[in-house]
Amino acid sequence: DAPPLRADVGHHVRNAVSYMNAHYADRIGLHEIAEHVGLDTKYL
């Protein structure tokens, strides 16, 4: 019953991946990652 994904979801995932690859040495967590890409944590 999953609703269709928005067309920009690939962009959000790539953005989050790039952020983690760049900031893995920092004290980041799910909240910081979601905030960076502008999404709710559950949706991310």
Full PDB file with SEQRES, HELIX, SHEET, SSBOND, CRYST1, ORIGX, SCALE, CONECT and MASTER records, all heavy atoms in Angstrom:
SEQRES   1 A   44  ASP ALA PRO PRO LEU ARG ALA ASP VAL GLY HIS HIS VAL          
SEQRES   2 A   44  ARG ASN ALA VAL SER TYR MET ASN ALA HIS TYR ALA ASP          
SEQRES   3 A   44  ARG ILE GLY LEU HIS GLU ILE ALA GLU HIS VAL GLY LEU          
SEQRES   4 A   44  ASP THR LYS TYR LEU                                          
HELIX    1 AA1 VAL A    9  HIS A   23  1                                  15    
HELIX    2 AA2 LEU A   30  VAL A   37  1                                   8    
CRYST1    1.000    1.000    1.000  90.00  90.00  90.00 P 1           1          
ORIGX1      1.000000  0.000000  0.000000        0.00000                         
ORIGX2      0.000000  1.000000  0.000000        0.00000                         
ORIGX3      0.000000  0.000000  1.000000        0.00000                         
SCALE1      1.000000  0.000000  0.000000        0.00000                         
SCALE2      0.000000  1.000000  0.000000        0.00000                         
SCALE3      0.000000  0.000000  1.000000        0.00000                         
ATOM      1  N   ASP A   1       0.809  -1.208   0.000  1.00  0.00           N  
ATOM      2  CA  ASP A   1       0.000   0.000   0.000  1.00  0.00           C  
ATOM      3  C   ASP A   1       0.849   1.268   0.000  1.00  0.00           C  
ATOM      4  O   ASP A   1       0.377   2.352   0.334  1.00  0.00           O  
ATOM      5  CB  ASP A   1      -0.919   0.030   1.231  1.00  0.00           C  
ATOM      6  CG  ASP A   1      -0.124  -0.065   2.533  1.00  0.00           C  
ATOM      7  OD1 ASP A   1       1.098  -0.319   2.474  1.00  0.00           O  
ATOM      8  OD2 ASP A   1      -0.739   0.119   3.600  1.00  0.00           O  
ATOM      9  N   ALA A   2       2.136   1.137  -0.381  1.00  0.00           N  
ATOM     10  CA  ALA A   2       3.012   2.308  -0.374  1.00  0.00           C  
ATOM     11  C   ALA A   2       2.576   3.301  -1.442  1.00  0.00           C  
ATOM     12  O   ALA A   2       2.321   2.922  -2.581  1.00  0.00           O  
ATOM     13  CB  ALA A   2       4.461   1.887  -0.640  1.00  0.00           C  
ATOM     14  N   PRO A   3       2.448   4.586  -1.089  1.00  0.00           N  
ATOM     15  CA  PRO A   3       2.090   5.589  -2.089  1.00  0.00           C  
ATOM     16  C   PRO A   3       3.231   5.786  -3.069  1.00  0.00           C  
ATOM     17  O   PRO A   3       4.385   5.470  -2.760  1.00  0.00           O  
ATOM     18  CB  PRO A   3       1.883   6.858  -1.240  1.00  0.00           C  
ATOM     19  CG  PRO A   3       2.722   6.619  -0.028  1.00  0.00           C  
ATOM     20  CD  PRO A   3       2.667   5.158   0.233  1.00  0.00           C  
ATOM     21  N   PRO A   4       2.959   6.278  -4.273  1.00  0.00           N  
ATOM     22  CA  PRO A   4       4.016   6.493  -5.248  1.00  0.00           C  
ATOM     23  C   PRO A   4       5.069   7.460  -4.709  1.00  0.00           C  
ATOM     24  O   PRO A   4       4.752   8.424  -4.023  1.00  0.00           O  
ATOM     25  CB  PRO A   4       3.277   7.110  -6.451  1.00  0.00           C  
ATOM     26  CG  PRO A   4       1.845   6.715  -6.258  1.00  0.00           C  
ATOM     27  CD  PRO A   4       1.627   6.648  -4.777  1.00  0.00           C  
ATOM     28  N   LEU A   5       6.324   7.170  -5.007  1.00  0.00           N  
ATOM     29  CA  LEU A   5       7.393   8.047  -4.580  1.00  0.00           C  
ATOM     30  C   LEU A   5       7.423   9.305  -5.437  1.00  0.00           C  
ATOM     31  O   LEU A   5       7.174   9.260  -6.634  1.00  0.00           O  
ATOM     32  CB  LEU A   5       8.746   7.331  -4.714  1.00  0.00           C  
ATOM     33  CG  LEU A   5       8.990   6.152  -3.768  1.00  0.00           C  
ATOM     34  CD1 LEU A   5      10.310   5.512  -4.108  1.00  0.00           C  
ATOM     35  CD2 LEU A   5       8.957   6.597  -2.330  1.00  0.00           C  
ATOM     36  N   ARG A   6       7.749  10.431  -4.830  1.00  0.00           N  
ATOM     37  CA  ARG A   6       7.884  11.658  -5.594  1.00  0.00           C  
ATOM     38  C   ARG A   6       9.083  11.553  -6.534  1.00  0.00           C  
ATOM     39  O   ARG A   6      10.014  10.800  -6.305  1.00  0.00           O  
ATOM     40  CB  ARG A   6       8.082  12.852  -4.648  1.00  0.00           C  
ATOM     41  CG  ARG A   6       6.954  13.075  -3.673  1.00  0.00           C  
ATOM     42  CD  ARG A   6       6.983  14.515  -3.159  1.00  0.00           C  
ATOM     43  NE  ARG A   6       8.308  14.926  -2.735  1.00  0.00           N  
ATOM     44  CZ  ARG A   6       8.714  14.938  -1.467  1.00  0.00           C  
ATOM     45  NH1 ARG A   6       7.893  14.524  -0.520  1.00  0.00           N  
ATOM     46  NH2 ARG A   6       9.925  15.344  -1.145  1.00  0.00           N  
ATOM     47  N   ALA A   7       9.062  12.338  -7.593  1.00  0.00           N  
ATOM     48  CA  ALA A   7      10.106  12.260  -8.609  1.00  0.00           C  
ATOM     49  C   ALA A   7      11.467  12.657  -8.065  1.00  0.00           C  
ATOM     50  O   ALA A   7      12.497  12.285  -8.615  1.00  0.00           O  
ATOM     51  CB  ALA A   7       9.740  13.142  -9.795  1.00  0.00           C  
ATOM     52  N   ASP A   8      11.492  13.434  -6.962  1.00  0.00           N  
ATOM     53  CA  ASP A   8      12.763  13.946  -6.467  1.00  0.00           C  
ATOM     54  C   ASP A   8      13.371  13.091  -5.359  1.00  0.00           C  
ATOM     55  O   ASP A   8      14.358  13.503  -4.750  1.00  0.00           O  
ATOM     56  CB  ASP A   8      12.582  15.375  -5.955  1.00  0.00           C  
ATOM     57  CG  ASP A   8      11.598  15.461  -4.784  1.00  0.00           C  
ATOM     58  OD1 ASP A   8      10.916  14.453  -4.522  1.00  0.00           O  
ATOM     59  OD2 ASP A   8      11.527  16.527  -4.161  1.00  0.00           O  
ATOM     60  N   VAL A   9      12.799  11.902  -5.097  1.00  0.00           N  
ATOM     61  CA  VAL A   9      13.318  11.117  -3.978  1.00  0.00           C  
ATOM     62  C   VAL A   9      14.747  10.662  -4.238  1.00  0.00           C  
ATOM     63  O   VAL A   9      15.549  10.566  -3.311  1.00  0.00           O  
ATOM     64  CB  VAL A   9      12.412   9.897  -3.674  1.00  0.00           C  
ATOM     65  CG1 VAL A   9      11.048  10.355  -3.236  1.00  0.00           C  
ATOM     66  CG2 VAL A   9      12.328   8.960  -4.864  1.00  0.00           C  
ATOM     67  N   GLY A  10      15.102  10.357  -5.488  1.00  0.00           N  
ATOM     68  CA  GLY A  10      16.462   9.969  -5.791  1.00  0.00           C  
ATOM     69  C   GLY A  10      17.440  11.073  -5.428  1.00  0.00           C  
ATOM     70  O   GLY A  10      18.528  10.818  -4.894  1.00  0.00           O  
ATOM     71  N   HIS A  11      17.047  12.304  -5.679  1.00  0.00           N  
ATOM     72  CA  HIS A  11      17.883  13.455  -5.333  1.00  0.00           C  
ATOM     73  C   HIS A  11      18.071  13.545  -3.823  1.00  0.00           C  
ATOM     74  O   HIS A  11      19.189  13.799  -3.346  1.00  0.00           O  
ATOM     75  CB  HIS A  11      17.242  14.744  -5.850  1.00  0.00           C  
ATOM     76  CG  HIS A  11      17.847  15.992  -5.281  1.00  0.00           C  
ATOM     77  ND1 HIS A  11      19.103  16.449  -5.648  1.00  0.00           N  
ATOM     78  CD2 HIS A  11      17.394  16.866  -4.337  1.00  0.00           C  
ATOM     79  CE1 HIS A  11      19.377  17.549  -4.977  1.00  0.00           C  
ATOM     80  NE2 HIS A  11      18.373  17.831  -4.183  1.00  0.00           N  
ATOM     81  N   HIS A  12      17.016  13.328  -3.053  1.00  0.00           N  
ATOM     82  CA  HIS A  12      17.114  13.404  -1.597  1.00  0.00           C  
ATOM     83  C   HIS A  12      18.060  12.328  -1.050  1.00  0.00           C  
ATOM     84  O   HIS A  12      18.882  12.602  -0.163  1.00  0.00           O  
ATOM     85  CB  HIS A  12      15.738  13.237  -0.957  1.00  0.00           C  
ATOM     86  CG  HIS A  12      14.855  14.442  -1.125  1.00  0.00           C  
ATOM     87  ND1 HIS A  12      15.274  15.714  -0.854  1.00  0.00           N  
ATOM     88  CD2 HIS A  12      13.556  14.547  -1.535  1.00  0.00           C  
ATOM     89  CE1 HIS A  12      14.287  16.572  -1.081  1.00  0.00           C  
ATOM     90  NE2 HIS A  12      13.243  15.887  -1.498  1.00  0.00           N  
ATOM     91  N   VAL A  13      17.949  11.101  -1.572  1.00  0.00           N  
ATOM     92  CA  VAL A  13      18.805  10.015  -1.105  1.00  0.00           C  
ATOM     93  C   VAL A  13      20.254  10.297  -1.472  1.00  0.00           C  
ATOM     94  O   VAL A  13      21.165  10.132  -0.648  1.00  0.00           O  
ATOM     95  CB  VAL A  13      18.340   8.664  -1.677  1.00  0.00           C  
ATOM     96  CG1 VAL A  13      19.352   7.571  -1.349  1.00  0.00           C  
ATOM     97  CG2 VAL A  13      16.968   8.280  -1.117  1.00  0.00           C  
ATOM     98  N   ARG A  14      20.499  10.730  -2.708  1.00  0.00           N  
ATOM     99  CA  ARG A  14      21.875  11.049  -3.119  1.00  0.00           C  
ATOM    100  C   ARG A  14      22.449  12.182  -2.275  1.00  0.00           C  
ATOM    101  O   ARG A  14      23.633  12.162  -1.904  1.00  0.00           O  
ATOM    102  CB  ARG A  14      21.902  11.423  -4.602  1.00  0.00           C  
ATOM    103  CG  ARG A  14      21.709  10.253  -5.551  1.00  0.00           C  
ATOM    104  CD  ARG A  14      22.060  10.645  -6.971  1.00  0.00           C  
ATOM    105  NE  ARG A  14      21.218  11.724  -7.457  1.00  0.00           N  
ATOM    106  CZ  ARG A  14      20.053  11.551  -8.078  1.00  0.00           C  
ATOM    107  NH1 ARG A  14      19.591  10.316  -8.259  1.00  0.00           N  
ATOM    108  NH2 ARG A  14      19.336  12.575  -8.506  1.00  0.00           N  
ATOM    109  N   ASN A  15      21.628  13.169  -1.967  1.00  0.00           N  
ATOM    110  CA  ASN A  15      22.080  14.290  -1.151  1.00  0.00           C  
ATOM    111  C   ASN A  15      22.463  13.820   0.249  1.00  0.00           C  
ATOM    112  O   ASN A  15      23.494  14.229   0.810  1.00  0.00           O  
ATOM    113  CB  ASN A  15      20.972  15.349  -1.078  1.00  0.00           C  
ATOM    114  CG  ASN A  15      21.479  16.690  -0.571  1.00  0.00           C  
ATOM    115  OD1 ASN A  15      22.661  16.863  -0.311  1.00  0.00           O  
ATOM    116  ND2 ASN A  15      20.573  17.650  -0.448  1.00  0.00           N  
ATOM    117  N   ALA A  16      21.621  12.960   0.823  1.00  0.00           N  
ATOM    118  CA  ALA A  16      21.919  12.436   2.164  1.00  0.00           C  
ATOM    119  C   ALA A  16      23.176  11.581   2.153  1.00  0.00           C  
ATOM    120  O   ALA A  16      24.013  11.663   3.066  1.00  0.00           O  
ATOM    121  CB  ALA A  16      20.726  11.621   2.671  1.00  0.00           C  
ATOM    122  N   VAL A  17      23.331  10.763   1.125  1.00  0.00           N  
ATOM    123  CA  VAL A  17      24.524   9.920   1.001  1.00  0.00           C  
ATOM    124  C   VAL A  17      25.782  10.783   0.892  1.00  0.00           C  
ATOM    125  O   VAL A  17      26.802  10.522   1.545  1.00  0.00           O  
ATOM    126  CB  VAL A  17      24.391   8.986  -0.220  1.00  0.00           C  
ATOM    127  CG1 VAL A  17      25.741   8.380  -0.598  1.00  0.00           C  
ATOM    128  CG2 VAL A  17      23.385   7.874   0.074  1.00  0.00           C  
ATOM    129  N   SER A  18      25.723  11.830   0.075  1.00  0.00           N  
ATOM    130  CA  SER A  18      26.873  12.728  -0.074  1.00  0.00           C  
ATOM    131  C   SER A  18      27.216  13.408   1.245  1.00  0.00           C  
ATOM    132  O   SER A  18      28.393  13.565   1.593  1.00  0.00           O  
ATOM    133  CB  SER A  18      26.576  13.777  -1.152  1.00  0.00           C  
ATOM    134  OG  SER A  18      26.384  13.173  -2.419  1.00  0.00           O  
ATOM    135  N   TYR A  19      26.179  13.801   1.985  1.00  0.00           N  
ATOM    136  CA  TYR A  19      26.389  14.453   3.276  1.00  0.00           C  
ATOM    137  C   TYR A  19      27.082  13.506   4.255  1.00  0.00           C  
ATOM    138  O   TYR A  19      28.033  13.905   4.959  1.00  0.00           O  
ATOM    139  CB  TYR A  19      25.047  14.917   3.832  1.00  0.00           C  
ATOM    140  CG  TYR A  19      25.127  15.601   5.171  1.00  0.00           C  
ATOM    141  CD1 TYR A  19      25.598  16.914   5.282  1.00  0.00           C  
ATOM    142  CD2 TYR A  19      24.736  14.949   6.336  1.00  0.00           C  
ATOM    143  CE1 TYR A  19      25.676  17.548   6.518  1.00  0.00           C  
ATOM    144  CE2 TYR A  19      24.805  15.578   7.568  1.00  0.00           C  
ATOM    145  CZ  TYR A  19      25.275  16.873   7.653  1.00  0.00           C  
ATOM    146  OH  TYR A  19      25.358  17.491   8.870  1.00  0.00           O  
ATOM    147  N   MET A  20      26.642  12.256   4.289  1.00  0.00           N  
ATOM    148  CA  MET A  20      27.252  11.290   5.206  1.00  0.00           C  
ATOM    149  C   MET A  20      28.681  10.962   4.797  1.00  0.00           C  
ATOM    150  O   MET A  20      29.559  10.807   5.651  1.00  0.00           O  
ATOM    151  CB  MET A  20      26.395  10.019   5.277  1.00  0.00           C  
ATOM    152  CG  MET A  20      25.135  10.195   6.112  1.00  0.00           C  
ATOM    153  SD  MET A  20      24.200   8.659   6.315  1.00  0.00           S  
ATOM    154  CE  MET A  20      23.223   8.674   4.809  1.00  0.00           C  
ATOM    155  N   ASN A  21      28.939  10.850   3.501  1.00  0.00           N  
ATOM    156  CA  ASN A  21      30.295  10.573   3.042  1.00  0.00           C  
ATOM    157  C   ASN A  21      31.246  11.709   3.384  1.00  0.00           C  
ATOM    158  O   ASN A  21      32.444  11.490   3.599  1.00  0.00           O  
ATOM    159  CB  ASN A  21      30.307  10.330   1.534  1.00  0.00           C  
ATOM    160  CG  ASN A  21      29.758   8.966   1.163  1.00  0.00           C  
ATOM    161  OD1 ASN A  21      29.900   8.012   1.919  1.00  0.00           O  
ATOM    162  ND2 ASN A  21      29.121   8.861   0.010  1.00  0.00           N  
ATOM    163  N   ALA A  22      30.721  12.932   3.444  1.00  0.00           N  
ATOM    164  CA  ALA A  22      31.560  14.092   3.740  1.00  0.00           C  
ATOM    165  C   ALA A  22      31.712  14.347   5.233  1.00  0.00           C  
ATOM    166  O   ALA A  22      32.713  14.919   5.673  1.00  0.00           O  
ATOM    167  CB  ALA A  22      30.983  15.337   3.058  1.00  0.00           C  
ATOM    168  N   HIS A  23      30.724  13.928   6.036  1.00  0.00           N  
ATOM    169  CA  HIS A  23      30.704  14.290   7.463  1.00  0.00           C  
ATOM    170  C   HIS A  23      30.711  13.074   8.381  1.00  0.00           C  
ATOM    171  O   HIS A  23      30.335  13.200   9.557  1.00  0.00           O  
ATOM    172  CB  HIS A  23      29.461  15.141   7.757  1.00  0.00           C  
ATOM    173  CG  HIS A  23      29.467  16.469   7.059  1.00  0.00           C  
ATOM    174  ND1 HIS A  23      30.097  17.580   7.572  1.00  0.00           N  
ATOM    175  CD2 HIS A  23      28.924  16.849   5.869  1.00  0.00           C  
ATOM    176  CE1 HIS A  23      29.943  18.603   6.751  1.00  0.00           C  
ATOM    177  NE2 HIS A  23      29.235  18.186   5.704  1.00  0.00           N  
ATOM    178  N   TYR A  24      31.169  11.916   7.892  1.00  0.00           N  
ATOM    179  CA  TYR A  24      31.153  10.718   8.728  1.00  0.00           C  
ATOM    180  C   TYR A  24      32.007  10.874   9.984  1.00  0.00           C  
ATOM    181  O   TYR A  24      31.775  10.212  10.999  1.00  0.00           O  
ATOM    182  CB  TYR A  24      31.637   9.509   7.916  1.00  0.00           C  
ATOM    183  CG  TYR A  24      33.098   9.588   7.513  1.00  0.00           C  
ATOM    184  CD1 TYR A  24      34.095   9.110   8.344  1.00  0.00           C  
ATOM    185  CD2 TYR A  24      33.467  10.161   6.306  1.00  0.00           C  
ATOM    186  CE1 TYR A  24      35.436   9.197   7.991  1.00  0.00           C  
ATOM    187  CE2 TYR A  24      34.792  10.256   5.934  1.00  0.00           C  
ATOM    188  CZ  TYR A  24      35.765   9.771   6.771  1.00  0.00           C  
ATOM    189  OH  TYR A  24      37.090   9.865   6.412  1.00  0.00           O  
ATOM    190  N   ALA A  25      33.024  11.741   9.933  1.00  0.00           N  
ATOM    191  CA  ALA A  25      33.901  11.938  11.091  1.00  0.00           C  
ATOM    192  C   ALA A  25      33.290  12.860  12.143  1.00  0.00           C  
ATOM    193  O   ALA A  25      33.820  12.966  13.251  1.00  0.00           O  
ATOM    194  CB  ALA A  25      35.247  12.492  10.636  1.00  0.00           C  
ATOM    195  N   ASP A  26      32.189  13.528  11.799  1.00  0.00           N  
ATOM    196  CA  ASP A  26      31.538  14.439  12.737  1.00  0.00           C  
ATOM    197  C   ASP A  26      30.501  13.693  13.579  1.00  0.00           C  
ATOM    198  O   ASP A  26      30.095  12.569  13.252  1.00  0.00           O  
ATOM    199  CB  ASP A  26      30.851  15.580  11.982  1.00  0.00           C  
ATOM    200  CG  ASP A  26      31.842  16.388  11.161  1.00  0.00           C  
ATOM    201  OD1 ASP A  26      33.021  16.460  11.565  1.00  0.00           O  
ATOM    202  OD2 ASP A  26      31.441  16.925  10.112  1.00  0.00           O  
ATOM    203  N   ARG A  27      30.039  14.333  14.625  1.00  0.00           N  
ATOM    204  CA  ARG A  27      29.017  13.723  15.488  1.00  0.00           C  
ATOM    205  C   ARG A  27      27.640  14.012  14.894  1.00  0.00           C  
ATOM    206  O   ARG A  27      26.876  14.842  15.388  1.00  0.00           O  
ATOM    207  CB  ARG A  27      29.140  14.252  16.905  1.00  0.00           C  
ATOM    208  CG  ARG A  27      30.480  13.946  17.554  1.00  0.00           C  
ATOM    209  CD  ARG A  27      30.542  14.452  18.982  1.00  0.00           C  
ATOM    210  NE  ARG A  27      29.622  13.712  19.849  1.00  0.00           N  
ATOM    211  CZ  ARG A  27      29.495  13.951  21.162  1.00  0.00           C  
ATOM    212  NH1 ARG A  27      30.218  14.906  21.734  1.00  0.00           N  
ATOM    213  NH2 ARG A  27      28.639  13.252  21.884  1.00  0.00           N  
ATOM    214  N   ILE A  28      27.314  13.335  13.826  1.00  0.00           N  
ATOM    215  CA  ILE A  28      26.023  13.517  13.158  1.00  0.00           C  
ATOM    216  C   ILE A  28      25.147  12.297  13.407  1.00  0.00           C  
ATOM    217  O   ILE A  28      25.629  11.192  13.640  1.00  0.00           O  
ATOM    218  CB  ILE A  28      26.170  13.752  11.644  1.00  0.00           C  
ATOM    219  CG1 ILE A  28      26.859  12.544  10.974  1.00  0.00           C  
ATOM    220  CG2 ILE A  28      26.959  15.031  11.372  1.00  0.00           C  
ATOM    221  CD1 ILE A  28      26.850  12.610   9.452  1.00  0.00           C  
ATOM    222  N   GLY A  29      23.834  12.520  13.359  1.00  0.00           N  
ATOM    223  CA  GLY A  29      22.865  11.450  13.506  1.00  0.00           C  
ATOM    224  C   GLY A  29      21.732  11.648  12.520  1.00  0.00           C  
ATOM    225  O   GLY A  29      21.796  12.487  11.615  1.00  0.00           O  
ATOM    226  N   LEU A  30      20.669  10.878  12.716  1.00  0.00           N  
ATOM    227  CA  LEU A  30      19.546  10.918  11.790  1.00  0.00           C  
ATOM    228  C   LEU A  30      18.931  12.315  11.693  1.00  0.00           C  
ATOM    229  O   LEU A  30      18.569  12.774  10.601  1.00  0.00           O  
ATOM    230  CB  LEU A  30      18.488   9.901  12.223  1.00  0.00           C  
ATOM    231  CG  LEU A  30      17.230   9.817  11.352  1.00  0.00           C  
ATOM    232  CD1 LEU A  30      17.585   9.470   9.915  1.00  0.00           C  
ATOM    233  CD2 LEU A  30      16.260   8.789  11.929  1.00  0.00           C  
ATOM    234  N   HIS A  31      18.822  13.005  12.835  1.00  0.00           N  
ATOM    235  CA  HIS A  31      18.206  14.327  12.829  1.00  0.00           C  
ATOM    236  C   HIS A  31      19.001  15.295  11.958  1.00  0.00           C  
ATOM    237  O   HIS A  31      18.426  16.052  11.162  1.00  0.00           O  
ATOM    238  CB  HIS A  31      18.115  14.869  14.255  1.00  0.00           C  
ATOM    239  CG  HIS A  31      17.549  16.258  14.333  1.00  0.00           C  
ATOM    240  ND1 HIS A  31      16.203  16.527  14.160  1.00  0.00           N  
ATOM    241  CD2 HIS A  31      18.154  17.465  14.542  1.00  0.00           C  
ATOM    242  CE1 HIS A  31      16.009  17.833  14.259  1.00  0.00           C  
ATOM    243  NE2 HIS A  31      17.176  18.430  14.494  1.00  0.00           N  
ATOM    244  N   GLU A  32      20.325  15.287  12.095  1.00  0.00           N  
ATOM    245  CA  GLU A  32      21.154  16.190  11.301  1.00  0.00           C  
ATOM    246  C   GLU A  32      21.082  15.858   9.816  1.00  0.00           C  
ATOM    247  O   GLU A  32      21.057  16.758   8.966  1.00  0.00           O  
ATOM    248  CB  GLU A  32      22.606  16.118  11.778  1.00  0.00           C  
ATOM    249  CG  GLU A  32      22.878  16.773  13.117  1.00  0.00           C  
ATOM    250  CD  GLU A  32      22.457  15.887  14.286  1.00  0.00           C  
ATOM    251  OE1 GLU A  32      22.182  14.674  14.054  1.00  0.00           O  
ATOM    252  OE2 GLU A  32      22.382  16.402  15.412  1.00  0.00           O  
ATOM    253  N   ILE A  33      21.036  14.580   9.487  1.00  0.00           N  
ATOM    254  CA  ILE A  33      20.974  14.164   8.078  1.00  0.00           C  
ATOM    255  C   ILE A  33      19.648  14.609   7.463  1.00  0.00           C  
ATOM    256  O   ILE A  33      19.607  15.184   6.365  1.00  0.00           O  
ATOM    257  CB  ILE A  33      21.132  12.639   7.970  1.00  0.00           C  
ATOM    258  CG1 ILE A  33      22.497  12.214   8.509  1.00  0.00           C  
ATOM    259  CG2 ILE A  33      20.974  12.195   6.518  1.00  0.00           C  
ATOM    260  CD1 ILE A  33      22.630  10.728   8.718  1.00  0.00           C  
ATOM    261  N   ALA A  34      18.544  14.349   8.183  1.00  0.00           N  
ATOM    262  CA  ALA A  34      17.225  14.741   7.674  1.00  0.00           C  
ATOM    263  C   ALA A  34      17.113  16.247   7.540  1.00  0.00           C  
ATOM    264  O   ALA A  34      16.537  16.765   6.576  1.00  0.00           O  
ATOM    265  CB  ALA A  34      16.130  14.192   8.594  1.00  0.00           C  
ATOM    266  N   GLU A  35      17.660  16.963   8.501  1.00  0.00           N  
ATOM    267  CA  GLU A  35      17.621  18.427   8.452  1.00  0.00           C  
ATOM    268  C   GLU A  35      18.398  18.951   7.252  1.00  0.00           C  
ATOM    269  O   GLU A  35      17.976  19.906   6.591  1.00  0.00           O  
ATOM    270  CB  GLU A  35      18.197  19.000   9.746  1.00  0.00           C  
ATOM    271  CG  GLU A  35      18.073  20.504   9.882  1.00  0.00           C  
ATOM    272  CD  GLU A  35      18.581  20.998  11.220  1.00  0.00           C  
ATOM    273  OE1 GLU A  35      19.802  20.828  11.486  1.00  0.00           O  
ATOM    274  OE2 GLU A  35      17.777  21.527  12.008  1.00  0.00           O  
ATOM    275  N   HIS A  36      19.515  18.324   6.942  1.00  0.00           N  
ATOM    276  CA  HIS A  36      20.331  18.760   5.804  1.00  0.00           C  
ATOM    277  C   HIS A  36      19.577  18.633   4.483  1.00  0.00           C  
ATOM    278  O   HIS A  36      19.687  19.505   3.614  1.00  0.00           O  
ATOM    279  CB  HIS A  36      21.623  17.945   5.747  1.00  0.00           C  
ATOM    280  CG  HIS A  36      22.458  18.231   4.535  1.00  0.00           C  
ATOM    281  ND1 HIS A  36      23.219  19.367   4.417  1.00  0.00           N  
ATOM    282  CD2 HIS A  36      22.615  17.530   3.378  1.00  0.00           C  
ATOM    283  CE1 HIS A  36      23.824  19.362   3.255  1.00  0.00           C  
ATOM    284  NE2 HIS A  36      23.486  18.262   2.598  1.00  0.00           N  
ATOM    285  N   VAL A  37      18.813  17.540   4.318  1.00  0.00           N  
ATOM    286  CA  VAL A  37      18.111  17.330   3.048  1.00  0.00           C  
ATOM    287  C   VAL A  37      16.694  17.897   3.082  1.00  0.00           C  
ATOM    288  O   VAL A  37      15.972  17.828   2.079  1.00  0.00           O  
ATOM    289  CB  VAL A  37      18.075  15.835   2.677  1.00  0.00           C  
ATOM    290  CG1 VAL A  37      19.477  15.293   2.507  1.00  0.00           C  
ATOM    291  CG2 VAL A  37      17.335  15.006   3.734  1.00  0.00           C  
ATOM    292  N   GLY A  38      16.265  18.429   4.242  1.00  0.00           N  
ATOM    293  CA  GLY A  38      14.960  19.069   4.325  1.00  0.00           C  
ATOM    294  C   GLY A  38      13.786  18.128   4.365  1.00  0.00           C  
ATOM    295  O   GLY A  38      12.712  18.437   3.826  1.00  0.00           O  
ATOM    296  N   LEU A  39      13.967  16.975   5.015  1.00  0.00           N  
ATOM    297  CA  LEU A  39      12.889  15.989   5.092  1.00  0.00           C  
ATOM    298  C   LEU A  39      12.629  15.590   6.539  1.00  0.00           C  
ATOM    299  O   LEU A  39      13.501  15.724   7.408  1.00  0.00           O  
ATOM    300  CB  LEU A  39      13.244  14.730   4.284  1.00  0.00           C  
ATOM    301  CG  LEU A  39      13.360  14.857   2.776  1.00  0.00           C  
ATOM    302  CD1 LEU A  39      13.755  13.514   2.191  1.00  0.00           C  
ATOM    303  CD2 LEU A  39      12.053  15.344   2.157  1.00  0.00           C  
ATOM    304  N   ASP A  40      11.433  15.077   6.786  1.00  0.00           N  
ATOM    305  CA  ASP A  40      11.109  14.457   8.056  1.00  0.00           C  
ATOM    306  C   ASP A  40      11.936  13.183   8.209  1.00  0.00           C  
ATOM    307  O   ASP A  40      12.194  12.470   7.235  1.00  0.00           O  
ATOM    308  CB  ASP A  40       9.611  14.131   8.092  1.00  0.00           C  
ATOM    309  CG  ASP A  40       9.230  13.324   9.320  1.00  0.00           C  
ATOM    310  OD1 ASP A  40       9.085  13.925  10.392  1.00  0.00           O  
ATOM    311  OD2 ASP A  40       9.099  12.089   9.177  1.00  0.00           O  
ATOM    312  N   THR A  41      12.349  12.870   9.434  1.00  0.00           N  
ATOM    313  CA  THR A  41      13.212  11.709   9.652  1.00  0.00           C  
ATOM    314  C   THR A  41      12.549  10.397   9.220  1.00  0.00           C  
ATOM    315  O   THR A  41      13.190   9.539   8.625  1.00  0.00           O  
ATOM    316  CB  THR A  41      13.621  11.610  11.131  1.00  0.00           C  
ATOM    317  OG1 THR A  41      12.440  11.580  11.955  1.00  0.00           O  
ATOM    318  CG2 THR A  41      14.495  12.786  11.532  1.00  0.00           C  
ATOM    319  N   LYS A  42      11.252  10.249   9.501  1.00  0.00           N  
ATOM    320  CA  LYS A  42      10.562   9.006   9.132  1.00  0.00           C  
ATOM    321  C   LYS A  42      10.485   8.847   7.627  1.00  0.00           C  
ATOM    322  O   LYS A  42      10.662   7.745   7.089  1.00  0.00           O  
ATOM    323  CB  LYS A  42       9.157   8.982   9.745  1.00  0.00           C  
ATOM    324  CG  LYS A  42       9.149   8.835  11.268  1.00  0.00           C  
ATOM    325  CD  LYS A  42       7.733   8.734  11.796  1.00  0.00           C  
ATOM    326  CE  LYS A  42       7.734   8.549  13.310  1.00  0.00           C  
ATOM    327  NZ  LYS A  42       6.354   8.465  13.856  1.00  0.00           N  
ATOM    328  N   TYR A  43      10.238   9.960   6.926  1.00  0.00           N  
ATOM    329  CA  TYR A  43      10.135   9.871   5.465  1.00  0.00           C  
ATOM    330  C   TYR A  43      11.505   9.560   4.866  1.00  0.00           C  
ATOM    331  O   TYR A  43      11.617   8.769   3.926  1.00  0.00           O  
ATOM    332  CB  TYR A  43       9.582  11.175   4.886  1.00  0.00           C  
ATOM    333  CG  TYR A  43       9.344  11.107   3.396  1.00  0.00           C  
ATOM    334  CD1 TYR A  43       8.415  10.210   2.862  1.00  0.00           C  
ATOM    335  CD2 TYR A  43      10.057  11.926   2.519  1.00  0.00           C  
ATOM    336  CE1 TYR A  43       8.195  10.133   1.504  1.00  0.00           C  
ATOM    337  CE2 TYR A  43       9.842  11.851   1.147  1.00  0.00           C  
ATOM    338  CZ  TYR A  43       8.911  10.959   0.652  1.00  0.00           C  
ATOM    339  OH  TYR A  43       8.702  10.871  -0.698  1.00  0.00           O  
ATOM    340  N   LEU A  44      12.556  10.162   5.422  1.00  0.00           N  
ATOM    341  CA  LEU A  44      13.898   9.877   4.930  1.00  0.00           C  
ATOM    342  C   LEU A  44      14.240   8.397   5.126  1.00  0.00           C  
ATOM    343  O   LEU A  44      14.816   7.771   4.236  1.00  0.00           O  
ATOM    344  CB  LEU A  44      14.923  10.750   5.650  1.00  0.00           C  
ATOM    345  CG  LEU A  44      16.385  10.529   5.238  1.00  0.00           C  
ATOM    346  CD1 LEU A  44      16.595  10.873   3.773  1.00  0.00           C  
ATOM    347  CD2 LEU A  44      17.316  11.344   6.126  1.00  0.00           C  
TER     348      LEU A  44                                                      
MASTER        0    0    0    2    0    0    0    6  347    1    0    4          
END                                                                             
